[in-house]
Amino acid sequence: MAFDLSPLFLSLKIALVAIVIVFVLGLLAARLCMKAKGHLTWLLDVLFTLPLVLPPTVVGFILLVLLGKNGWVGKILMSFNISIIFTPSAAILAAVVVAFPLMYRAAKGAFEQVDEEILWAARTLGLSEFKIFIKILIPEAWPGIMSGLILAFARALGEFGATLMIAGNIPKVTQTVPLAIYFATANGKIGLATIWTIIITLISCVMLWAMNRYNRG
């Protein structure tokens, strides 16, 4: 029987789509939090970081309650004949939610390291806040952003709990490598679980190596 590589391809596809979304949202959220003042800064930081400290199953349960057919978001989607639960879109959403805090915190930390005098100099030259953000702040903070991007991709690739809760374990549809490992182990297929464990461990090692090499460079 041929070895089914669909969980690997599906995991990579979900992680790649998720990381594009996380990259944009993480940068915008970091900038928003930096520009906020007073208690709003603390509130936004807690909200954006919360998925990082919550157990993945709790994150999955919250998403299930919101997006299920009886949830308020789910009801709105159903009015447009859109169903997310137990689809690849649900797996992408789970990956986005759990990986977002890593991207957000890395971007926020990198932005805070940028010399404020450079930004004020750009303002005195008449650059808009959007151009300062795109042409100065992001390039200056890029090493930290890149590290966060790699870590967020690794987190999205290894997501399990939230994915299982809202996407399920449907072969060739939502079954990612972590899910394949879990259910192979549960069914006594230790050899198959070992193969998948080695594969995802090697991928993770390569990403960490790339991040360390980039940081040294």
N, C-alpha and C. Protein backbone atom coordinates (compact mmCIF):
# COMPACT_ATOMS: atom_id res chain seq x y z
N MET A 1 0.85 -1.20 0.00
CA MET A 1 0.00 0.00 0.00
C MET A 1 0.88 1.25 0.00
N ALA A 2 0.59 2.18 -0.90
CA ALA A 2 1.40 3.39 -1.05
C ALA A 2 1.22 4.30 0.16
N PHE A 3 2.30 4.96 0.52
CA PHE A 3 2.27 5.88 1.64
C PHE A 3 1.54 7.16 1.22
N ASP A 4 0.49 7.52 1.94
CA ASP A 4 -0.34 8.68 1.60
C ASP A 4 0.31 9.96 2.12
N LEU A 5 0.72 10.82 1.20
CA LEU A 5 1.38 12.06 1.57
C LEU A 5 0.42 13.24 1.70
N SER A 6 -0.88 12.97 1.55
CA SER A 6 -1.85 14.07 1.57
C SER A 6 -1.81 14.87 2.87
N PRO A 7 -1.60 14.26 4.07
CA PRO A 7 -1.52 15.08 5.28
C PRO A 7 -0.38 16.10 5.24
N LEU A 8 0.75 15.71 4.65
CA LEU A 8 1.88 16.64 4.55
C LEU A 8 1.57 17.79 3.62
N PHE A 9 1.05 17.48 2.44
CA PHE A 9 0.72 18.53 1.47
C PHE A 9 -0.36 19.46 2.04
N LEU A 10 -1.34 18.87 2.72
CA LEU A 10 -2.41 19.67 3.30
C LEU A 10 -1.89 20.56 4.42
N SER A 11 -1.00 20.01 5.25
CA SER A 11 -0.41 20.81 6.34
C SER A 11 0.36 22.00 5.79
N LEU A 12 1.18 21.76 4.76
CA LEU A 12 1.97 22.84 4.17
C LEU A 12 1.07 23.89 3.52
N LYS A 13 0.03 23.43 2.84
CA LYS A 13 -0.90 24.37 2.19
C LYS A 13 -1.61 25.23 3.22
N ILE A 14 -2.11 24.61 4.28
CA ILE A 14 -2.82 25.34 5.33
C ILE A 14 -1.87 26.33 6.01
N ALA A 15 -0.66 25.88 6.33
CA ALA A 15 0.30 26.75 7.02
C ALA A 15 0.71 27.92 6.14
N LEU A 16 0.89 27.69 4.84
CA LEU A 16 1.29 28.78 3.94
C LEU A 16 0.20 29.83 3.79
N VAL A 17 -1.04 29.37 3.62
CA VAL A 17 -2.15 30.32 3.52
C VAL A 17 -2.31 31.08 4.83
N ALA A 18 -2.23 30.35 5.93
CA ALA A 18 -2.40 30.97 7.24
C ALA A 18 -1.32 32.00 7.50
N ILE A 19 -0.08 31.70 7.11
CA ILE A 19 1.01 32.61 7.45
C ILE A 19 0.92 33.91 6.66
N VAL A 20 0.37 33.87 5.46
CA VAL A 20 0.16 35.11 4.70
C VAL A 20 -0.83 36.01 5.44
N ILE A 21 -1.91 35.40 5.92
CA ILE A 21 -2.92 36.15 6.68
C ILE A 21 -2.33 36.67 7.98
N VAL A 22 -1.60 35.80 8.68
CA VAL A 22 -1.00 36.16 9.96
C VAL A 22 0.02 37.28 9.80
N PHE A 23 0.77 37.24 8.71
CA PHE A 23 1.79 38.27 8.46
C PHE A 23 1.15 39.65 8.39
N VAL A 24 0.10 39.77 7.61
CA VAL A 24 -0.58 41.06 7.45
C VAL A 24 -1.24 41.49 8.75
N LEU A 25 -2.02 40.59 9.35
CA LEU A 25 -2.74 40.93 10.58
C LEU A 25 -1.78 41.22 11.73
N GLY A 26 -0.69 40.46 11.81
CA GLY A 26 0.26 40.65 12.89
C GLY A 26 0.93 42.01 12.83
N LEU A 27 1.34 42.44 11.64
CA LEU A 27 1.97 43.75 11.49
C LEU A 27 0.99 44.87 11.81
N LEU A 28 -0.24 44.75 11.30
CA LEU A 28 -1.24 45.79 11.56
C LEU A 28 -1.60 45.86 13.04
N ALA A 29 -1.73 44.69 13.67
CA ALA A 29 -2.08 44.66 15.09
C ALA A 29 -0.96 45.25 15.94
N ALA A 30 0.29 44.93 15.59
CA ALA A 30 1.43 45.47 16.34
C ALA A 30 1.48 46.99 16.23
N ARG A 31 1.25 47.49 15.03
CA ARG A 31 1.26 48.94 14.84
C ARG A 31 0.10 49.60 15.57
N LEU A 32 -1.07 48.98 15.53
CA LEU A 32 -2.24 49.52 16.23
C LEU A 32 -1.99 49.59 17.73
N CYS A 33 -1.40 48.54 18.27
CA CYS A 33 -1.14 48.50 19.71
C CYS A 33 -0.12 49.57 20.11
N MET A 34 0.87 49.81 19.25
CA MET A 34 1.87 50.83 19.55
C MET A 34 1.28 52.24 19.53
N LYS A 35 0.29 52.46 18.67
CA LYS A 35 -0.30 53.78 18.55
C LYS A 35 -1.41 54.02 19.58
N ALA A 36 -1.90 52.93 20.19
CA ALA A 36 -2.95 53.07 21.20
C ALA A 36 -2.38 53.70 22.46
N LYS A 37 -3.26 54.28 23.27
CA LYS A 37 -2.81 54.97 24.48
C LYS A 37 -3.62 54.50 25.69
N GLY A 38 -2.99 54.61 26.84
CA GLY A 38 -3.68 54.31 28.09
C GLY A 38 -4.02 52.84 28.24
N HIS A 39 -5.18 52.60 28.85
CA HIS A 39 -5.63 51.23 29.11
C HIS A 39 -5.94 50.47 27.84
N LEU A 40 -6.20 51.18 26.75
CA LEU A 40 -6.48 50.51 25.48
C LEU A 40 -5.29 49.68 25.02
N THR A 41 -4.08 50.18 25.27
CA THR A 41 -2.88 49.43 24.90
C THR A 41 -2.84 48.09 25.60
N TRP A 42 -3.08 48.10 26.90
CA TRP A 42 -3.08 46.86 27.69
C TRP A 42 -4.18 45.92 27.23
N LEU A 43 -5.36 46.47 26.96
CA LEU A 43 -6.49 45.65 26.55
C LEU A 43 -6.21 44.97 25.21
N LEU A 44 -5.68 45.72 24.25
CA LEU A 44 -5.37 45.15 22.94
C LEU A 44 -4.27 44.09 23.05
N ASP A 45 -3.26 44.36 23.87
CA ASP A 45 -2.17 43.41 24.02
C ASP A 45 -2.66 42.09 24.61
N VAL A 46 -3.54 42.17 25.59
CA VAL A 46 -4.12 40.96 26.18
C VAL A 46 -4.94 40.21 25.15
N LEU A 47 -5.76 40.92 24.41
CA LEU A 47 -6.62 40.30 23.41
C LEU A 47 -5.82 39.61 22.31
N PHE A 48 -4.77 40.28 21.84
CA PHE A 48 -3.96 39.72 20.75
C PHE A 48 -3.07 38.57 21.21
N THR A 49 -2.72 38.55 22.49
CA THR A 49 -1.82 37.52 23.01
C THR A 49 -2.56 36.31 23.58
N LEU A 50 -3.83 36.49 23.90
CA LEU A 50 -4.61 35.46 24.59
C LEU A 50 -4.54 34.07 23.95
N PRO A 51 -4.67 33.94 22.61
CA PRO A 51 -4.60 32.59 22.02
C PRO A 51 -3.28 31.87 22.28
N LEU A 52 -2.24 32.62 22.63
CA LEU A 52 -0.93 32.01 22.88
C LEU A 52 -0.91 31.27 24.21
N VAL A 53 -1.66 31.77 25.19
CA VAL A 53 -1.63 31.18 26.53
C VAL A 53 -2.81 30.24 26.79
N LEU A 54 -3.86 30.34 26.00
CA LEU A 54 -5.00 29.44 26.17
C LEU A 54 -4.66 28.06 25.60
N PRO A 55 -5.16 26.98 26.22
CA PRO A 55 -4.99 25.66 25.62
C PRO A 55 -5.63 25.62 24.23
N PRO A 56 -5.01 24.95 23.27
CA PRO A 56 -5.57 24.90 21.91
C PRO A 56 -7.00 24.39 21.86
N THR A 57 -7.34 23.45 22.74
CA THR A 57 -8.71 22.94 22.74
C THR A 57 -9.70 24.01 23.17
N VAL A 58 -9.27 24.89 24.07
CA VAL A 58 -10.14 26.00 24.49
C VAL A 58 -10.34 26.97 23.33
N VAL A 59 -9.27 27.26 22.61
CA VAL A 59 -9.37 28.10 21.41
C VAL A 59 -10.32 27.46 20.40
N GLY A 60 -10.18 26.16 20.20
CA GLY A 60 -11.05 25.45 19.28
C GLY A 60 -12.49 25.49 19.71
N PHE A 61 -12.73 25.35 21.02
CA PHE A 61 -14.10 25.38 21.53
C PHE A 61 -14.73 26.75 21.30
N ILE A 62 -13.96 27.82 21.57
CA ILE A 62 -14.47 29.17 21.35
C ILE A 62 -14.83 29.38 19.88
N LEU A 63 -13.94 28.94 18.99
CA LEU A 63 -14.22 29.07 17.56
C LEU A 63 -15.44 28.25 17.16
N LEU A 64 -15.57 27.06 17.76
CA LEU A 64 -16.71 26.21 17.45
C LEU A 64 -18.02 26.85 17.90
N VAL A 65 -18.00 27.47 19.08
CA VAL A 65 -19.20 28.15 19.58
C VAL A 65 -19.56 29.34 18.69
N LEU A 66 -18.55 30.08 18.25
CA LEU A 66 -18.80 31.26 17.42
C LEU A 66 -19.25 30.90 16.01
N LEU A 67 -18.60 29.86 15.43
CA LEU A 67 -18.81 29.55 14.01
C LEU A 67 -19.80 28.44 13.76
N GLY A 68 -20.22 27.74 14.83
CA GLY A 68 -21.20 26.67 14.67
C GLY A 68 -22.54 27.21 14.19
N LYS A 69 -23.43 26.30 13.83
CA LYS A 69 -24.71 26.72 13.24
C LYS A 69 -25.57 27.52 14.22
N ASN A 70 -25.29 27.38 15.53
CA ASN A 70 -26.03 28.15 16.53
C ASN A 70 -25.25 29.36 17.03
N GLY A 71 -24.01 29.53 16.58
CA GLY A 71 -23.22 30.68 16.98
C GLY A 71 -23.62 31.92 16.19
N TRP A 72 -23.36 33.09 16.77
CA TRP A 72 -23.83 34.32 16.09
C TRP A 72 -23.08 34.56 14.79
N VAL A 73 -21.79 34.22 14.74
CA VAL A 73 -21.06 34.34 13.47
C VAL A 73 -21.52 33.26 12.50
N GLY A 74 -21.72 32.05 13.02
CA GLY A 74 -22.18 30.95 12.17
C GLY A 74 -23.54 31.23 11.54
N LYS A 75 -24.43 31.86 12.29
CA LYS A 75 -25.76 32.18 11.76
C LYS A 75 -25.66 33.19 10.62
N ILE A 76 -24.77 34.17 10.79
CA ILE A 76 -24.58 35.16 9.72
C ILE A 76 -24.04 34.49 8.46
N LEU A 77 -23.05 33.59 8.64
CA LEU A 77 -22.47 32.89 7.49
C LEU A 77 -23.49 31.98 6.83
N MET A 78 -24.32 31.32 7.64
CA MET A 78 -25.33 30.42 7.09
C MET A 78 -26.37 31.17 6.27
N SER A 79 -26.60 32.44 6.62
CA SER A 79 -27.56 33.25 5.84
C SER A 79 -27.06 33.49 4.42
N PHE A 80 -25.72 33.34 4.23
CA PHE A 80 -25.13 33.45 2.90
C PHE A 80 -24.74 32.08 2.35
N ASN A 81 -25.28 31.03 2.97
CA ASN A 81 -24.98 29.64 2.58
C ASN A 81 -23.50 29.32 2.65
N ILE A 82 -22.84 29.88 3.67
CA ILE A 82 -21.41 29.63 3.90
C ILE A 82 -21.25 28.81 5.16
N SER A 83 -20.58 27.71 5.05
CA SER A 83 -20.31 26.86 6.20
C SER A 83 -18.80 26.63 6.30
N ILE A 84 -18.24 26.92 7.46
CA ILE A 84 -16.79 26.81 7.66
C ILE A 84 -16.41 25.55 8.43
N ILE A 85 -17.23 25.18 9.41
CA ILE A 85 -16.91 24.05 10.28
C ILE A 85 -16.69 22.78 9.46
N PHE A 86 -15.62 22.05 9.81
CA PHE A 86 -15.24 20.78 9.17
C PHE A 86 -14.91 20.95 7.68
N THR A 87 -14.24 22.06 7.37
CA THR A 87 -13.76 22.31 6.01
C THR A 87 -12.29 22.75 6.11
N PRO A 88 -11.56 22.75 4.99
CA PRO A 88 -10.18 23.26 5.02
C PRO A 88 -10.10 24.71 5.52
N SER A 89 -11.14 25.48 5.26
CA SER A 89 -11.16 26.87 5.75
C SER A 89 -11.10 26.93 7.26
N ALA A 90 -11.76 25.96 7.92
CA ALA A 90 -11.73 25.90 9.38
C ALA A 90 -10.32 25.59 9.87
N ALA A 91 -9.62 24.71 9.17
CA ALA A 91 -8.24 24.38 9.55
C ALA A 91 -7.34 25.60 9.38
N ILE A 92 -7.55 26.37 8.31
CA ILE A 92 -6.77 27.59 8.10
C ILE A 92 -7.06 28.61 9.20
N LEU A 93 -8.34 28.75 9.55
CA LEU A 93 -8.72 29.69 10.61
C LEU A 93 -8.08 29.31 11.93
N ALA A 94 -8.09 28.02 12.26
CA ALA A 94 -7.46 27.56 13.51
C ALA A 94 -5.98 27.88 13.50
N ALA A 95 -5.32 27.64 12.38
CA ALA A 95 -3.88 27.93 12.27
C ALA A 95 -3.61 29.42 12.41
N VAL A 96 -4.47 30.24 11.82
CA VAL A 96 -4.30 31.70 11.91
C VAL A 96 -4.41 32.16 13.36
N VAL A 97 -5.42 31.68 14.06
CA VAL A 97 -5.67 32.13 15.43
C VAL A 97 -4.52 31.76 16.36
N VAL A 98 -4.02 30.53 16.25
CA VAL A 98 -2.96 30.10 17.19
C VAL A 98 -1.59 30.66 16.81
N ALA A 99 -1.37 30.96 15.53
CA ALA A 99 -0.07 31.47 15.10
C ALA A 99 0.02 32.99 15.19
N PHE A 100 -1.12 33.66 15.17
CA PHE A 100 -1.15 35.12 15.17
C PHE A 100 -0.39 35.76 16.33
N PRO A 101 -0.55 35.29 17.58
CA PRO A 101 0.16 35.95 18.68
C PRO A 101 1.68 35.95 18.53
N LEU A 102 2.24 34.90 17.96
CA LEU A 102 3.69 34.85 17.77
C LEU A 102 4.14 35.93 16.79
N MET A 103 3.39 36.09 15.70
CA MET A 103 3.72 37.12 14.72
C MET A 103 3.52 38.50 15.32
N TYR A 104 2.44 38.68 16.05
CA TYR A 104 2.13 39.97 16.66
C TYR A 104 3.21 40.40 17.64
N ARG A 105 3.59 39.51 18.55
CA ARG A 105 4.56 39.86 19.58
C ARG A 105 5.95 40.09 18.98
N ALA A 106 6.32 39.29 17.99
CA ALA A 106 7.62 39.49 17.34
C ALA A 106 7.65 40.83 16.62
N ALA A 107 6.58 41.16 15.90
CA ALA A 107 6.52 42.43 15.17
C ALA A 107 6.51 43.61 16.14
N LYS A 108 5.74 43.49 17.21
CA LYS A 108 5.66 44.58 18.20
C LYS A 108 7.03 44.82 18.84
N GLY A 109 7.71 43.74 19.20
CA GLY A 109 9.03 43.89 19.79
C GLY A 109 10.03 44.49 18.81
N ALA A 110 9.93 44.09 17.54
CA ALA A 110 10.84 44.62 16.53
C ALA A 110 10.55 46.10 16.26
N PHE A 111 9.28 46.47 16.21
CA PHE A 111 8.92 47.87 15.99
C PHE A 111 9.43 48.76 17.13
N GLU A 112 9.35 48.24 18.36
CA GLU A 112 9.76 49.02 19.52
C GLU A 112 11.27 49.27 19.54
N GLN A 113 12.03 48.46 18.81
CA GLN A 113 13.48 48.62 18.75
C GLN A 113 13.92 49.66 17.72
N VAL A 114 13.01 50.07 16.86
CA VAL A 114 13.35 51.06 15.84
C VAL A 114 13.51 52.43 16.47
N ASP A 115 14.56 53.13 16.11
CA ASP A 115 14.85 54.45 16.66
C ASP A 115 13.73 55.42 16.29
N GLU A 116 13.11 56.02 17.30
CA GLU A 116 12.00 56.95 17.08
C GLU A 116 12.45 58.19 16.30
N GLU A 117 13.74 58.55 16.42
CA GLU A 117 14.22 59.74 15.72
C GLU A 117 14.12 59.58 14.21
N ILE A 118 14.29 58.34 13.73
CA ILE A 118 14.17 58.09 12.30
C ILE A 118 12.73 58.35 11.85
N LEU A 119 11.79 57.91 12.66
CA LEU A 119 10.38 58.10 12.31
C LEU A 119 9.99 59.57 12.35
N TRP A 120 10.48 60.28 13.36
CA TRP A 120 10.17 61.71 13.44
C TRP A 120 10.82 62.49 12.31
N ALA A 121 12.01 62.07 11.92
CA ALA A 121 12.67 62.72 10.79
C ALA A 121 11.85 62.54 9.51
N ALA A 122 11.30 61.35 9.34
CA ALA A 122 10.46 61.08 8.16
C ALA A 122 9.21 61.94 8.18
N ARG A 123 8.64 62.13 9.38
CA ARG A 123 7.44 62.97 9.49
C ARG A 123 7.74 64.42 9.14
N THR A 124 8.89 64.91 9.59
CA THR A 124 9.24 66.30 9.28
C THR A 124 9.48 66.50 7.80
N LEU A 125 9.82 65.41 7.08
CA LEU A 125 10.01 65.50 5.63
C LEU A 125 8.70 65.35 4.86
N GLY A 126 7.61 65.18 5.61
CA GLY A 126 6.30 65.16 4.97
C GLY A 126 5.77 63.80 4.60
N LEU A 127 6.43 62.71 5.03
CA LEU A 127 5.94 61.37 4.70
C LEU A 127 4.69 61.05 5.50
N SER A 128 3.74 60.42 4.86
CA SER A 128 2.52 60.01 5.55
C SER A 128 2.82 58.84 6.49
N GLU A 129 1.92 58.61 7.43
CA GLU A 129 2.11 57.50 8.38
C GLU A 129 2.14 56.16 7.65
N PHE A 130 1.37 56.06 6.58
CA PHE A 130 1.35 54.81 5.81
C PHE A 130 2.70 54.56 5.15
N LYS A 131 3.28 55.60 4.54
CA LYS A 131 4.58 55.45 3.89
C LYS A 131 5.69 55.19 4.92
N ILE A 132 5.57 55.82 6.07
CA ILE A 132 6.55 55.56 7.14
C ILE A 132 6.49 54.10 7.57
N PHE A 133 5.26 53.60 7.70
CA PHE A 133 5.06 52.21 8.12
C PHE A 133 5.63 51.23 7.10
N ILE A 134 5.36 51.49 5.80
CA ILE A 134 5.76 50.56 4.75
C ILE A 134 7.25 50.70 4.38
N LYS A 135 7.72 51.94 4.27
CA LYS A 135 9.06 52.16 3.73
C LYS A 135 10.16 52.29 4.78
N ILE A 136 9.78 52.55 6.03
CA ILE A 136 10.80 52.75 7.06
C ILE A 136 10.66 51.75 8.20
N LEU A 137 9.48 51.71 8.82
CA LEU A 137 9.32 50.89 10.03
C LEU A 137 9.49 49.40 9.74
N ILE A 138 8.82 48.90 8.72
CA ILE A 138 8.93 47.46 8.40
C ILE A 138 10.34 47.08 7.98
N PRO A 139 10.99 47.82 7.05
CA PRO A 139 12.37 47.45 6.70
C PRO A 139 13.33 47.49 7.88
N GLU A 140 13.19 48.50 8.75
CA GLU A 140 14.08 48.61 9.90
C GLU A 140 13.87 47.46 10.89
N ALA A 141 12.62 46.98 10.99
CA ALA A 141 12.30 45.93 11.95
C ALA A 141 12.30 44.55 11.32
N TRP A 142 12.73 44.44 10.07
CA TRP A 142 12.57 43.20 9.32
C TRP A 142 13.19 41.96 9.96
N PRO A 143 14.40 42.01 10.54
CA PRO A 143 14.96 40.80 11.15
C PRO A 143 14.05 40.19 12.21
N GLY A 144 13.50 41.04 13.09
CA GLY A 144 12.59 40.54 14.12
C GLY A 144 11.30 40.03 13.53
N ILE A 145 10.81 40.71 12.50
CA ILE A 145 9.59 40.28 11.83
C ILE A 145 9.79 38.91 11.18
N MET A 146 10.94 38.72 10.55
CA MET A 146 11.24 37.45 9.89
C MET A 146 11.29 36.31 10.88
N SER A 147 11.88 36.54 12.04
CA SER A 147 11.93 35.51 13.07
C SER A 147 10.52 35.13 13.52
N GLY A 148 9.70 36.14 13.73
CA GLY A 148 8.31 35.88 14.12
C GLY A 148 7.55 35.13 13.05
N LEU A 149 7.85 35.44 11.80
CA LEU A 149 7.18 34.78 10.68
C LEU A 149 7.51 33.29 10.64
N ILE A 150 8.77 32.97 10.86
CA ILE A 150 9.19 31.56 10.84
C ILE A 150 8.57 30.80 12.01
N LEU A 151 8.58 31.41 13.20
CA LEU A 151 7.99 30.76 14.37
C LEU A 151 6.48 30.58 14.19
N ALA A 152 5.83 31.59 13.62
CA ALA A 152 4.39 31.49 13.39
C ALA A 152 4.07 30.39 12.37
N PHE A 153 4.91 30.26 11.35
CA PHE A 153 4.70 29.20 10.36
C PHE A 153 4.84 27.83 11.02
N ALA A 154 5.86 27.69 11.87
CA ALA A 154 6.05 26.42 12.57
C ALA A 154 4.87 26.11 13.47
N ARG A 155 4.34 27.14 14.12
CA ARG A 155 3.17 26.93 14.99
C ARG A 155 1.95 26.54 14.19
N ALA A 156 1.75 27.18 13.05
CA ALA A 156 0.61 26.84 12.20
C ALA A 156 0.74 25.43 11.66
N LEU A 157 1.96 25.03 11.33
CA LEU A 157 2.20 23.69 10.79
C LEU A 157 1.91 22.62 11.83
N GLY A 158 2.18 22.92 13.09
CA GLY A 158 2.02 21.92 14.14
C GLY A 158 0.71 22.01 14.90
N GLU A 159 -0.20 22.85 14.47
CA GLU A 159 -1.47 23.03 15.18
C GLU A 159 -2.27 21.72 15.22
N PHE A 160 -2.82 21.41 16.39
CA PHE A 160 -3.57 20.17 16.56
C PHE A 160 -4.94 20.38 17.22
N GLY A 161 -4.93 20.91 18.45
CA GLY A 161 -6.15 20.95 19.24
C GLY A 161 -7.29 21.72 18.61
N ALA A 162 -7.03 22.97 18.24
CA ALA A 162 -8.09 23.80 17.65
C ALA A 162 -8.53 23.24 16.31
N THR A 163 -7.58 22.70 15.54
CA THR A 163 -7.92 22.11 14.24
C THR A 163 -8.86 20.93 14.41
N LEU A 164 -8.58 20.07 15.37
CA LEU A 164 -9.43 18.91 15.61
C LEU A 164 -10.84 19.32 16.02
N MET A 165 -10.94 20.40 16.81
CA MET A 165 -12.23 20.85 17.31
C MET A 165 -13.13 21.40 16.21
N ILE A 166 -12.57 22.19 15.30
CA ILE A 166 -13.44 22.86 14.32
C ILE A 166 -13.32 22.32 12.90
N ALA A 167 -12.25 21.56 12.62
CA ALA A 167 -12.08 21.03 11.26
C ALA A 167 -12.23 19.52 11.21
N GLY A 168 -12.02 18.86 12.33
CA GLY A 168 -12.16 17.41 12.35
C GLY A 168 -10.99 16.71 11.69
N ASN A 169 -11.12 15.40 11.59
CA ASN A 169 -10.07 14.57 10.99
C ASN A 169 -10.62 13.86 9.75
N ILE A 170 -10.73 14.61 8.68
CA ILE A 170 -11.29 14.07 7.43
C ILE A 170 -10.13 13.83 6.46
N PRO A 171 -9.82 12.56 6.15
CA PRO A 171 -8.69 12.27 5.25
C PRO A 171 -8.80 13.02 3.93
N LYS A 172 -7.67 13.59 3.51
CA LYS A 172 -7.53 14.34 2.26
C LYS A 172 -8.32 15.65 2.24
N VAL A 173 -8.96 15.99 3.35
CA VAL A 173 -9.73 17.23 3.42
C VAL A 173 -9.22 18.13 4.55
N THR A 174 -9.18 17.58 5.76
CA THR A 174 -8.71 18.37 6.91
C THR A 174 -7.67 17.64 7.75
N GLN A 175 -7.28 16.45 7.34
CA GLN A 175 -6.31 15.67 8.14
C GLN A 175 -4.89 16.17 7.90
N THR A 176 -4.38 16.91 8.87
CA THR A 176 -3.01 17.41 8.81
C THR A 176 -2.06 16.39 9.44
N VAL A 177 -0.77 16.69 9.40
CA VAL A 177 0.22 15.75 9.96
C VAL A 177 0.01 15.52 11.45
N PRO A 178 -0.19 16.57 12.28
CA PRO A 178 -0.44 16.30 13.71
C PRO A 178 -1.65 15.40 13.94
N LEU A 179 -2.70 15.61 13.18
CA LEU A 179 -3.88 14.75 13.31
C LEU A 179 -3.58 13.33 12.87
N ALA A 180 -2.81 13.20 11.80
CA ALA A 180 -2.43 11.87 11.31
C ALA A 180 -1.62 11.12 12.36
N ILE A 181 -0.73 11.83 13.05
CA ILE A 181 0.07 11.21 14.12
C ILE A 181 -0.82 10.73 15.26
N TYR A 182 -1.73 11.59 15.67
CA TYR A 182 -2.61 11.25 16.80
C TYR A 182 -3.47 10.03 16.50
N PHE A 183 -4.13 10.04 15.36
CA PHE A 183 -5.05 8.94 15.05
C PHE A 183 -4.32 7.67 14.65
N ALA A 184 -3.13 7.79 14.09
CA ALA A 184 -2.33 6.59 13.82
C ALA A 184 -1.93 5.93 15.13
N THR A 185 -1.55 6.74 16.11
CA THR A 185 -1.19 6.21 17.43
C THR A 185 -2.41 5.58 18.11
N ALA A 186 -3.55 6.27 18.02
CA ALA A 186 -4.77 5.76 18.65
C ALA A 186 -5.20 4.43 18.04
N ASN A 187 -4.89 4.22 16.77
CA ASN A 187 -5.28 2.99 16.08
C ASN A 187 -4.18 1.93 16.12
N GLY A 188 -3.12 2.20 16.88
CA GLY A 188 -2.07 1.22 17.04
C GLY A 188 -1.08 1.16 15.89
N LYS A 189 -1.10 2.14 15.00
CA LYS A 189 -0.18 2.18 13.86
C LYS A 189 1.05 3.00 14.25
N ILE A 190 1.84 2.44 15.13
CA ILE A 190 2.98 3.16 15.68
C ILE A 190 4.03 3.47 14.62
N GLY A 191 4.22 2.55 13.67
CA GLY A 191 5.19 2.80 12.60
C GLY A 191 4.82 4.00 11.77
N LEU A 192 3.54 4.11 11.41
CA LEU A 192 3.07 5.25 10.63
C LEU A 192 3.21 6.54 11.42
N ALA A 193 2.86 6.50 12.70
CA ALA A 193 2.99 7.69 13.55
C ALA A 193 4.45 8.11 13.66
N THR A 194 5.35 7.13 13.73
CA THR A 194 6.78 7.43 13.82
C THR A 194 7.28 8.12 12.56
N ILE A 195 6.84 7.65 11.41
CA ILE A 195 7.25 8.27 10.14
C ILE A 195 6.82 9.73 10.08
N TRP A 196 5.55 9.99 10.44
CA TRP A 196 5.06 11.36 10.40
C TRP A 196 5.76 12.23 11.43
N THR A 197 6.08 11.66 12.58
CA THR A 197 6.80 12.41 13.62
C THR A 197 8.18 12.82 13.13
N ILE A 198 8.86 11.91 12.47
CA ILE A 198 10.20 12.21 11.93
C ILE A 198 10.11 13.30 10.87
N ILE A 199 9.11 13.20 10.01
CA ILE A 199 8.95 14.18 8.92
C ILE A 199 8.73 15.59 9.48
N ILE A 200 7.78 15.71 10.41
CA ILE A 200 7.46 17.06 10.91
C ILE A 200 8.58 17.59 11.81
N THR A 201 9.31 16.69 12.47
CA THR A 201 10.46 17.12 13.27
C THR A 201 11.57 17.66 12.38
N LEU A 202 11.82 16.98 11.26
CA LEU A 202 12.83 17.45 10.32
C LEU A 202 12.47 18.81 9.74
N ILE A 203 11.20 18.98 9.38
CA ILE A 203 10.75 20.26 8.84
C ILE A 203 10.95 21.37 9.88
N SER A 204 10.60 21.09 11.13
CA SER A 204 10.75 22.08 12.19
C SER A 204 12.22 22.42 12.41
N CYS A 205 13.08 21.42 12.36
CA CYS A 205 14.52 21.66 12.53
C CYS A 205 15.07 22.54 11.41
N VAL A 206 14.61 22.29 10.20
CA VAL A 206 15.06 23.09 9.06
C VAL A 206 14.63 24.55 9.23
N MET A 207 13.41 24.77 9.69
CA MET A 207 12.93 26.14 9.88
C MET A 207 13.70 26.85 10.98
N LEU A 208 13.99 26.15 12.08
CA LEU A 208 14.78 26.75 13.14
C LEU A 208 16.20 27.05 12.69
N TRP A 209 16.76 26.16 11.89
CA TRP A 209 18.09 26.40 11.34
C TRP A 209 18.09 27.63 10.45
N ALA A 210 17.04 27.74 9.61
CA ALA A 210 16.95 28.90 8.71
C ALA A 210 16.82 30.19 9.51
N MET A 211 16.03 30.16 10.59
CA MET A 211 15.87 31.35 11.41
C MET A 211 17.18 31.76 12.07
N ASN A 212 17.89 30.79 12.64
CA ASN A 212 19.16 31.09 13.30
C ASN A 212 20.20 31.60 12.30
N ARG A 213 20.22 30.99 11.12
CA ARG A 213 21.17 31.42 10.10
C ARG A 213 20.85 32.84 9.63
N TYR A 214 19.56 33.12 9.47
CA TYR A 214 19.15 34.47 9.05
C TYR A 214 19.53 35.50 10.11
N ASN A 215 19.30 35.16 11.39
CA ASN A 215 19.62 36.09 12.47
C ASN A 215 21.12 36.36 12.57
N ARG A 216 21.92 35.30 12.35
CA ARG A 216 23.36 35.50 12.37
C ARG A 216 23.80 36.38 11.20
N GLY A 217 23.15 36.19 10.05
CA GLY A 217 23.49 37.00 8.90
C GLY A 217 23.15 38.46 9.11
